[in-house]
Amino acid sequence: ELEAAAREWLKGSGLEVRVMTHHCDYRNSDATLEERMAVV
């Protein structure tokens, strides 16, 4: 509901909307420290 309100608010602004998240899942990951820091 917040994303929908934000899109309505930004309508006609000419700005691209990028939807992003901090949800990740490293529970079964073998990603290295370097790879994880690159994501950050």
All heavy atoms as atom14 arrays in JSON, in Angstrom:
{
  "sequence": "ELEAAAREWLKGSGLEVRVMTHHCDYRNSDATLEERMAVV",
  "atom14_mask": [
    [1, 1, 1, 1, 1, 1, 1, 1, 1, 0, 0, 0, 0, 0],
    [1, 1, 1, 1, 1, 1, 1, 1, 0, 0, 0, 0, 0, 0],
    [1, 1, 1, 1, 1, 1, 1, 1, 1, 0, 0, 0, 0, 0],
    [1, 1, 1, 1, 1, 0, 0, 0, 0, 0, 0, 0, 0, 0],
    [1, 1, 1, 1, 1, 0, 0, 0, 0, 0, 0, 0, 0, 0],
    [1, 1, 1, 1, 1, 0, 0, 0, 0, 0, 0, 0, 0, 0],
    [1, 1, 1, 1, 1, 1, 1, 1, 1, 1, 1, 0, 0, 0],
    [1, 1, 1, 1, 1, 1, 1, 1, 1, 0, 0, 0, 0, 0],
    [1, 1, 1, 1, 1, 1, 1, 1, 1, 1, 1, 1, 1, 1],
    [1, 1, 1, 1, 1, 1, 1, 1, 0, 0, 0, 0, 0, 0],
    [1, 1, 1, 1, 1, 1, 1, 1, 1, 0, 0, 0, 0, 0],
    [1, 1, 1, 1, 0, 0, 0, 0, 0, 0, 0, 0, 0, 0],
    [1, 1, 1, 1, 1, 1, 0, 0, 0, 0, 0, 0, 0, 0],
    [1, 1, 1, 1, 0, 0, 0, 0, 0, 0, 0, 0, 0, 0],
    [1, 1, 1, 1, 1, 1, 1, 1, 0, 0, 0, 0, 0, 0],
    [1, 1, 1, 1, 1, 1, 1, 1, 1, 0, 0, 0, 0, 0],
    [1, 1, 1, 1, 1, 1, 1, 0, 0, 0, 0, 0, 0, 0],
    [1, 1, 1, 1, 1, 1, 1, 1, 1, 1, 1, 0, 0, 0],
    [1, 1, 1, 1, 1, 1, 1, 0, 0, 0, 0, 0, 0, 0],
    [1, 1, 1, 1, 1, 1, 1, 1, 0, 0, 0, 0, 0, 0],
    [1, 1, 1, 1, 1, 1, 1, 0, 0, 0, 0, 0, 0, 0],
    [1, 1, 1, 1, 1, 1, 1, 1, 1, 1, 0, 0, 0, 0],
    [1, 1, 1, 1, 1, 1, 1, 1, 1, 1, 0, 0, 0, 0],
    [1, 1, 1, 1, 1, 1, 0, 0, 0, 0, 0, 0, 0, 0],
    [1, 1, 1, 1, 1, 1, 1, 1, 0, 0, 0, 0, 0, 0],
    [1, 1, 1, 1, 1, 1, 1, 1, 1, 1, 1, 1, 0, 0],
    [1, 1, 1, 1, 1, 1, 1, 1, 1, 1, 1, 0, 0, 0],
    [1, 1, 1, 1, 1, 1, 1, 1, 0, 0, 0, 0, 0, 0],
    [1, 1, 1, 1, 1, 1, 0, 0, 0, 0, 0, 0, 0, 0],
    [1, 1, 1, 1, 1, 1, 1, 1, 0, 0, 0, 0, 0, 0],
    [1, 1, 1, 1, 1, 0, 0, 0, 0, 0, 0, 0, 0, 0],
    [1, 1, 1, 1, 1, 1, 1, 0, 0, 0, 0, 0, 0, 0],
    [1, 1, 1, 1, 1, 1, 1, 1, 0, 0, 0, 0, 0, 0],
    [1, 1, 1, 1, 1, 1, 1, 1, 1, 0, 0, 0, 0, 0],
    [1, 1, 1, 1, 1, 1, 1, 1, 1, 0, 0, 0, 0, 0],
    [1, 1, 1, 1, 1, 1, 1, 1, 1, 1, 1, 0, 0, 0],
    [1, 1, 1, 1, 1, 1, 1, 1, 0, 0, 0, 0, 0, 0],
    [1, 1, 1, 1, 1, 0, 0, 0, 0, 0, 0, 0, 0, 0],
    [1, 1, 1, 1, 1, 1, 1, 0, 0, 0, 0, 0, 0, 0],
    [1, 1, 1, 1, 1, 1, 1, 0, 0, 0, 0, 0, 0, 0]
  ],
  "atom14_positions": [
    [[0.83, -1.21, 0.0], [0.0, 0.0, 0.0], [0.86, 1.26, 0.0], [0.49, 2.29, -0.57], [-0.95, 0.0, 1.19], [-0.29, -0.04, 2.56], [-0.06, -1.45, 3.07], [0.05, -2.37, 2.24], [-0.01, -1.63, 4.31], [0.0, 0.0, 0.0], [0.0, 0.0, 0.0], [0.0, 0.0, 0.0], [0.0, 0.0, 0.0], [0.0, 0.0, 0.0]],
    [[2.04, 1.19, 0.61], [2.95, 2.34, 0.61], [3.61, 2.5, -0.76], [3.77, 3.62, -1.25], [4.02, 2.16, 1.68], [3.54, 2.24, 3.13], [4.64, 1.83, 4.1], [3.07, 3.66, 3.46], [0.0, 0.0, 0.0], [0.0, 0.0, 0.0], [0.0, 0.0, 0.0], [0.0, 0.0, 0.0], [0.0, 0.0, 0.0], [0.0, 0.0, 0.0]],
    [[3.98, 1.38, -1.38], [4.56, 1.46, -2.71], [3.55, 2.03, -3.71], [3.9, 2.87, -4.57], [5.02, 0.08, -3.17], [5.69, 0.12, -4.54], [6.08, -1.25, -5.05], [6.38, -2.13, -4.23], [6.1, -1.44, -6.29], [0.0, 0.0, 0.0], [0.0, 0.0, 0.0], [0.0, 0.0, 0.0], [0.0, 0.0, 0.0], [0.0, 0.0, 0.0]],
    [[2.29, 1.6, -3.6], [1.26, 2.11, -4.49], [1.08, 3.62, -4.3], [0.96, 4.38, -5.28], [-0.06, 1.39, -4.23], [0.0, 0.0, 0.0], [0.0, 0.0, 0.0], [0.0, 0.0, 0.0], [0.0, 0.0, 0.0], [0.0, 0.0, 0.0], [0.0, 0.0, 0.0], [0.0, 0.0, 0.0], [0.0, 0.0, 0.0], [0.0, 0.0, 0.0]],
    [[1.09, 4.06, -3.04], [0.96, 5.5, -2.76], [2.17, 6.26, -3.29], [2.03, 7.38, -3.81], [0.81, 5.72, -1.25], [0.0, 0.0, 0.0], [0.0, 0.0, 0.0], [0.0, 0.0, 0.0], [0.0, 0.0, 0.0], [0.0, 0.0, 0.0], [0.0, 0.0, 0.0], [0.0, 0.0, 0.0], [0.0, 0.0, 0.0], [0.0, 0.0, 0.0]],
    [[3.34, 5.67, -3.18], [4.56, 6.33, -3.67], [4.52, 6.47, -5.19], [4.89, 7.51, -5.75], [5.78, 5.54, -3.23], [0.0, 0.0, 0.0], [0.0, 0.0, 0.0], [0.0, 0.0, 0.0], [0.0, 0.0, 0.0], [0.0, 0.0, 0.0], [0.0, 0.0, 0.0], [0.0, 0.0, 0.0], [0.0, 0.0, 0.0], [0.0, 0.0, 0.0]],
    [[4.08, 5.43, -5.87], [4.01, 5.5, -7.33], [3.01, 6.57, -7.78], [3.24, 7.28, -8.76], [3.63, 4.13, -7.89], [4.74, 3.09, -7.78], [4.35, 1.78, -8.44], [5.4, 0.78, -8.37], [6.44, 0.71, -9.2], [6.54, 1.59, -10.19], [7.35, -0.24, -9.07], [0.0, 0.0, 0.0], [0.0, 0.0, 0.0], [0.0, 0.0, 0.0]],
    [[1.9, 6.66, -7.06], [0.91, 7.7, -7.38], [1.51, 9.08, -7.16], [1.31, 10.0, -7.95], [-0.33, 7.5, -6.51], [-1.46, 8.47, -6.79], [-2.05, 8.3, -8.18], [-1.97, 7.17, -8.74], [-2.58, 9.3, -8.72], [0.0, 0.0, 0.0], [0.0, 0.0, 0.0], [0.0, 0.0, 0.0], [0.0, 0.0, 0.0], [0.0, 0.0, 0.0]],
    [[2.23, 9.23, -6.06], [2.87, 10.5, -5.71], [3.92, 10.91, -6.76], [4.06, 12.09, -7.09], [3.51, 10.34, -4.33], [4.32, 11.47, -3.81], [3.99, 12.79, -3.79], [5.62, 11.38, -3.2], [4.99, 13.53, -3.2], [6.0, 12.69, -2.82], [6.47, 10.31, -2.91], [7.21, 12.95, -2.18], [7.67, 10.58, -2.27], [8.04, 11.89, -1.92]],
    [[4.64, 9.92, -7.3], [5.72, 10.19, -8.24], [5.26, 10.25, -9.7], [6.06, 10.56, -10.59], [6.81, 9.11, -8.11], [7.56, 9.08, -6.78], [8.34, 7.79, -6.62], [8.49, 10.29, -6.67], [0.0, 0.0, 0.0], [0.0, 0.0, 0.0], [0.0, 0.0, 0.0], [0.0, 0.0, 0.0], [0.0, 0.0, 0.0], [0.0, 0.0, 0.0]],
    [[3.98, 9.97, -9.93], [3.45, 9.95, -11.29], [3.66, 11.31, -11.96], [3.34, 12.36, -11.39], [1.97, 9.59, -11.27], [1.38, 9.32, -12.65], [-0.09, 8.94, -12.53], [-0.27, 7.62, -11.8], [-1.71, 7.22, -11.77], [0.0, 0.0, 0.0], [0.0, 0.0, 0.0], [0.0, 0.0, 0.0], [0.0, 0.0, 0.0], [0.0, 0.0, 0.0]],
    [[4.21, 11.3, -13.15], [4.44, 12.53, -13.89], [5.7, 13.27, -13.51], [5.99, 14.35, -14.06], [0.0, 0.0, 0.0], [0.0, 0.0, 0.0], [0.0, 0.0, 0.0], [0.0, 0.0, 0.0], [0.0, 0.0, 0.0], [0.0, 0.0, 0.0], [0.0, 0.0, 0.0], [0.0, 0.0, 0.0], [0.0, 0.0, 0.0], [0.0, 0.0, 0.0]],
    [[6.48, 12.72, -12.58], [7.7, 13.41, -12.13], [8.84, 13.26, -13.13], [9.8, 14.05, -13.09], [8.15, 12.84, -10.79], [8.56, 11.49, -10.92], [0.0, 0.0, 0.0], [0.0, 0.0, 0.0], [0.0, 0.0, 0.0], [0.0, 0.0, 0.0], [0.0, 0.0, 0.0], [0.0, 0.0, 0.0], [0.0, 0.0, 0.0], [0.0, 0.0, 0.0]],
    [[8.76, 12.26, -14.01], [9.85, 12.02, -14.94], [10.98, 11.22, -14.33], [12.0, 10.97, -15.0], [0.0, 0.0, 0.0], [0.0, 0.0, 0.0], [0.0, 0.0, 0.0], [0.0, 0.0, 0.0], [0.0, 0.0, 0.0], [0.0, 0.0, 0.0], [0.0, 0.0, 0.0], [0.0, 0.0, 0.0], [0.0, 0.0, 0.0], [0.0, 0.0, 0.0]],
    [[10.82, 10.8, -13.08], [11.86, 10.04, -12.4], [11.58, 8.54, -12.48], [10.45, 8.1, -12.34], [11.93, 10.45, -10.91], [12.36, 11.9, -10.63], [12.1, 12.23, -9.16], [13.84, 12.09, -10.97], [0.0, 0.0, 0.0], [0.0, 0.0, 0.0], [0.0, 0.0, 0.0], [0.0, 0.0, 0.0], [0.0, 0.0, 0.0], [0.0, 0.0, 0.0]],
    [[12.63, 7.79, -12.74], [12.5, 6.34, -12.72], [12.27, 5.86, -11.28], [12.85, 6.41, -10.34], [13.79, 5.7, -13.27], [13.82, 4.18, -13.2], [15.19, 3.61, -13.46], [16.12, 4.37, -13.83], [15.36, 2.38, -13.26], [0.0, 0.0, 0.0], [0.0, 0.0, 0.0], [0.0, 0.0, 0.0], [0.0, 0.0, 0.0], [0.0, 0.0, 0.0]],
    [[11.42, 4.87, -11.13], [11.16, 4.29, -9.81], [11.89, 2.95, -9.72], [11.61, 2.03, -10.5], [9.65, 4.1, -9.56], [9.42, 3.39, -8.22], [8.94, 5.44, -9.59], [0.0, 0.0, 0.0], [0.0, 0.0, 0.0], [0.0, 0.0, 0.0], [0.0, 0.0, 0.0], [0.0, 0.0, 0.0], [0.0, 0.0, 0.0], [0.0, 0.0, 0.0]],
    [[12.81, 2.84, -8.75], [13.52, 1.59, -8.53], [13.06, 0.99, -7.2], [13.27, 1.57, -6.14], [15.03, 1.82, -8.51], [15.59, 2.29, -9.83], [17.11, 2.33, -9.83], [17.61, 2.85, -11.1], [18.91, 3.02, -11.39], [19.83, 2.69, -10.48], [19.28, 3.52, -12.56], [0.0, 0.0, 0.0], [0.0, 0.0, 0.0], [0.0, 0.0, 0.0]],
    [[12.43, -0.16, -7.27], [11.98, -0.86, -6.07], [13.1, -1.78, -5.61], [13.56, -2.65, -6.36], [10.69, -1.66, -6.35], [10.28, -2.45, -5.12], [9.58, -0.71, -6.79], [0.0, 0.0, 0.0], [0.0, 0.0, 0.0], [0.0, 0.0, 0.0], [0.0, 0.0, 0.0], [0.0, 0.0, 0.0], [0.0, 0.0, 0.0], [0.0, 0.0, 0.0]],
    [[13.54, -1.59, -4.38], [14.68, -2.34, -3.86], [14.33, -2.97, -2.52], [13.32, -2.63, -1.9], [15.89, -1.41, -3.71], [16.33, -0.77, -5.03], [17.69, 0.41, -4.84], [19.0, -0.68, -4.24], [0.0, 0.0, 0.0], [0.0, 0.0, 0.0], [0.0, 0.0, 0.0], [0.0, 0.0, 0.0], [0.0, 0.0, 0.0], [0.0, 0.0, 0.0]],
    [[15.16, -3.89, -2.09], [14.92, -4.59, -0.82], [16.22, -4.92, -0.12], [17.27, -5.08, -0.77], [14.12, -5.88, -1.06], [13.86, -6.5, 0.21], [14.9, -6.87, -1.93], [0.0, 0.0, 0.0], [0.0, 0.0, 0.0], [0.0, 0.0, 0.0], [0.0, 0.0, 0.0], [0.0, 0.0, 0.0], [0.0, 0.0, 0.0], [0.0, 0.0, 0.0]],
    [[16.14, -5.0, 1.2], [17.26, -5.49, 2.0], [17.08, -6.95, 2.39], [17.89, -7.51, 3.11], [17.44, -4.65, 3.27], [18.27, -3.42, 3.04], [18.91, -2.75, 4.06], [18.57, -2.74, 1.9], [19.56, -1.71, 3.56], [19.36, -1.69, 2.26], [0.0, 0.0, 0.0], [0.0, 0.0, 0.0], [0.0, 0.0, 0.0], [0.0, 0.0, 0.0]],
    [[16.0, -7.57, 1.91], [15.81, -9.0, 2.16], [16.85, -9.78, 1.35], [17.01, -9.56, 0.15], [14.4, -9.44, 1.76], [13.33, -8.89, 2.63], [13.21, -9.21, 3.96], [12.33, -8.01, 2.36], [12.18, -8.57, 4.48], [11.63, -7.82, 3.53], [0.0, 0.0, 0.0], [0.0, 0.0, 0.0], [0.0, 0.0, 0.0], [0.0, 0.0, 0.0]],
    [[17.53, -10.67, 2.02], [18.5, -11.54, 1.36], [18.44, -12.88, 2.09], [17.74, -13.03, 3.09], [19.92, -10.95, 1.41], [20.53, -10.65, 3.1], [0.0, 0.0, 0.0], [0.0, 0.0, 0.0], [0.0, 0.0, 0.0], [0.0, 0.0, 0.0], [0.0, 0.0, 0.0], [0.0, 0.0, 0.0], [0.0, 0.0, 0.0], [0.0, 0.0, 0.0]],
    [[19.17, -13.85, 1.62], [19.15, -15.16, 2.27], [20.52, -15.82, 2.11], [20.83, -16.4, 1.08], [18.06, -16.04, 1.67], [17.8, -17.29, 2.52], [18.62, -17.56, 3.41], [16.8, -17.97, 2.27], [0.0, 0.0, 0.0], [0.0, 0.0, 0.0], [0.0, 0.0, 0.0], [0.0, 0.0, 0.0], [0.0, 0.0, 0.0], [0.0, 0.0, 0.0]],
    [[21.32, -15.69, 3.16], [22.64, -16.31, 3.16], [22.67, -17.57, 4.03], [23.75, -18.03, 4.41], [23.68, -15.31, 3.69], [24.03, -14.22, 2.69], [23.72, -12.89, 2.94], [24.7, -14.52, 1.51], [24.04, -11.89, 2.04], [25.04, -13.53, 0.6], [24.7, -12.21, 0.87], [25.04, -11.22, -0.03], [0.0, 0.0, 0.0], [0.0, 0.0, 0.0]],
    [[21.49, -18.13, 4.35], [21.45, -19.28, 5.25], [22.18, -20.49, 4.69], [22.79, -21.24, 5.44], [19.99, -19.64, 5.57], [19.3, -18.65, 6.5], [17.85, -18.98, 6.67], [17.11, -18.85, 5.42], [15.81, -19.1, 5.29], [15.12, -19.52, 6.35], [15.21, -18.96, 4.14], [0.0, 0.0, 0.0], [0.0, 0.0, 0.0], [0.0, 0.0, 0.0]],
    [[22.11, -20.68, 3.38], [22.79, -21.83, 2.77], [23.76, -21.36, 1.68], [24.02, -22.07, 0.72], [21.77, -22.8, 2.17], [20.84, -23.38, 3.23], [21.3, -24.0, 4.18], [19.54, -23.17, 3.07], [0.0, 0.0, 0.0], [0.0, 0.0, 0.0], [0.0, 0.0, 0.0], [0.0, 0.0, 0.0], [0.0, 0.0, 0.0], [0.0, 0.0, 0.0]],
    [[24.28, -20.18, 1.89], [25.12, -19.57, 0.86], [26.6, -19.81, 1.13], [27.04, -19.86, 2.28], [24.86, -18.06, 0.8], [25.78, -17.42, -0.06], [0.0, 0.0, 0.0], [0.0, 0.0, 0.0], [0.0, 0.0, 0.0], [0.0, 0.0, 0.0], [0.0, 0.0, 0.0], [0.0, 0.0, 0.0], [0.0, 0.0, 0.0], [0.0, 0.0, 0.0]],
    [[27.37, -19.95, 0.06], [28.83, -20.04, 0.18], [29.49, -18.78, -0.36], [30.67, -18.78, -0.72], [29.36, -21.28, -0.54], [28.98, -21.3, -2.03], [28.29, -20.38, -2.48], [29.39, -22.26, -2.72], [0.0, 0.0, 0.0], [0.0, 0.0, 0.0], [0.0, 0.0, 0.0], [0.0, 0.0, 0.0], [0.0, 0.0, 0.0], [0.0, 0.0, 0.0]],
    [[28.73, -17.68, -0.4], [29.27, -16.41, -0.88], [30.45, -15.97, -0.01], [30.41, -16.08, 1.22], [28.19, -15.33, -0.87], [0.0, 0.0, 0.0], [0.0, 0.0, 0.0], [0.0, 0.0, 0.0], [0.0, 0.0, 0.0], [0.0, 0.0, 0.0], [0.0, 0.0, 0.0], [0.0, 0.0, 0.0], [0.0, 0.0, 0.0], [0.0, 0.0, 0.0]],
    [[31.5, -15.49, -0.64], [32.68, -15.05, 0.09], [32.44, -13.66, 0.7], [31.48, -12.96, 0.33], [33.89, -14.96, -0.84], [33.64, -13.94, -1.83], [34.14, -16.3, -1.53], [0.0, 0.0, 0.0], [0.0, 0.0, 0.0], [0.0, 0.0, 0.0], [0.0, 0.0, 0.0], [0.0, 0.0, 0.0], [0.0, 0.0, 0.0], [0.0, 0.0, 0.0]],
    [[33.32, -13.28, 1.61], [33.24, -11.94, 2.19], [33.3, -10.88, 1.1], [32.54, -9.9, 1.11], [34.39, -11.74, 3.19], [34.57, -10.33, 3.74], [33.36, -9.9, 4.56], [35.85, -10.25, 4.58], [0.0, 0.0, 0.0], [0.0, 0.0, 0.0], [0.0, 0.0, 0.0], [0.0, 0.0, 0.0], [0.0, 0.0, 0.0], [0.0, 0.0, 0.0]],
    [[34.2, -11.08, 0.15], [34.36, -10.11, -0.94], [33.08, -9.99, -1.76], [32.67, -8.88, -2.14], [35.53, -10.51, -1.84], [36.9, -10.38, -1.21], [37.19, -11.5, -0.19], [36.49, -12.53, -0.22], [38.11, -11.31, 0.63], [0.0, 0.0, 0.0], [0.0, 0.0, 0.0], [0.0, 0.0, 0.0], [0.0, 0.0, 0.0], [0.0, 0.0, 0.0]],
    [[32.43, -11.1, -2.02], [31.19, -11.08, -2.81], [30.07, -10.39, -2.04], [29.31, -9.61, -2.62], [30.79, -12.51, -3.16], [31.7, -13.16, -4.2], [31.46, -14.65, -4.35], [30.88, -15.28, -3.43], [31.84, -15.21, -5.4], [0.0, 0.0, 0.0], [0.0, 0.0, 0.0], [0.0, 0.0, 0.0], [0.0, 0.0, 0.0], [0.0, 0.0, 0.0]],
    [[29.98, -10.65, -0.75], [28.94, -10.01, 0.05], [29.18, -8.51, 0.19], [28.23, -7.72, 0.13], [28.84, -10.7, 1.41], [28.23, -12.09, 1.29], [28.26, -12.87, 2.57], [27.47, -12.28, 3.64], [26.99, -12.97, 4.67], [27.2, -14.28, 4.76], [26.29, -12.38, 5.62], [0.0, 0.0, 0.0], [0.0, 0.0, 0.0], [0.0, 0.0, 0.0]],
    [[30.42, -8.11, 0.35], [30.72, -6.69, 0.45], [30.48, -5.98, -0.89], [30.12, -4.79, -0.93], [32.16, -6.47, 0.91], [32.43, -6.94, 2.34], [31.43, -6.1, 3.63], [30.08, -7.29, 3.88], [0.0, 0.0, 0.0], [0.0, 0.0, 0.0], [0.0, 0.0, 0.0], [0.0, 0.0, 0.0], [0.0, 0.0, 0.0], [0.0, 0.0, 0.0]],
    [[30.65, -6.7, -1.99], [30.37, -6.12, -3.31], [28.88, -5.85, -3.46], [28.47, -4.84, -4.07], [30.85, -7.07, -4.41], [0.0, 0.0, 0.0], [0.0, 0.0, 0.0], [0.0, 0.0, 0.0], [0.0, 0.0, 0.0], [0.0, 0.0, 0.0], [0.0, 0.0, 0.0], [0.0, 0.0, 0.0], [0.0, 0.0, 0.0], [0.0, 0.0, 0.0]],
    [[28.03, -6.74, -2.92], [26.58, -6.52, -2.95], [26.24, -5.26, -2.17], [25.43, -4.43, -2.6], [25.83, -7.74, -2.37], [24.35, -7.42, -2.2], [26.01, -8.95, -3.27], [0.0, 0.0, 0.0], [0.0, 0.0, 0.0], [0.0, 0.0, 0.0], [0.0, 0.0, 0.0], [0.0, 0.0, 0.0], [0.0, 0.0, 0.0], [0.0, 0.0, 0.0]],
    [[26.85, -5.1, -1.0], [26.61, -3.9, -0.18], [27.02, -2.65, -0.94], [26.27, -1.67, -1.0], [27.39, -4.0, 1.14], [27.35, -2.67, 1.88], [26.82, -5.1, 2.02], [0.0, 0.0, 0.0], [0.0, 0.0, 0.0], [0.0, 0.0, 0.0], [0.0, 0.0, 0.0], [0.0, 0.0, 0.0], [0.0, 0.0, 0.0], [0.0, 0.0, 0.0]]
  ]
}
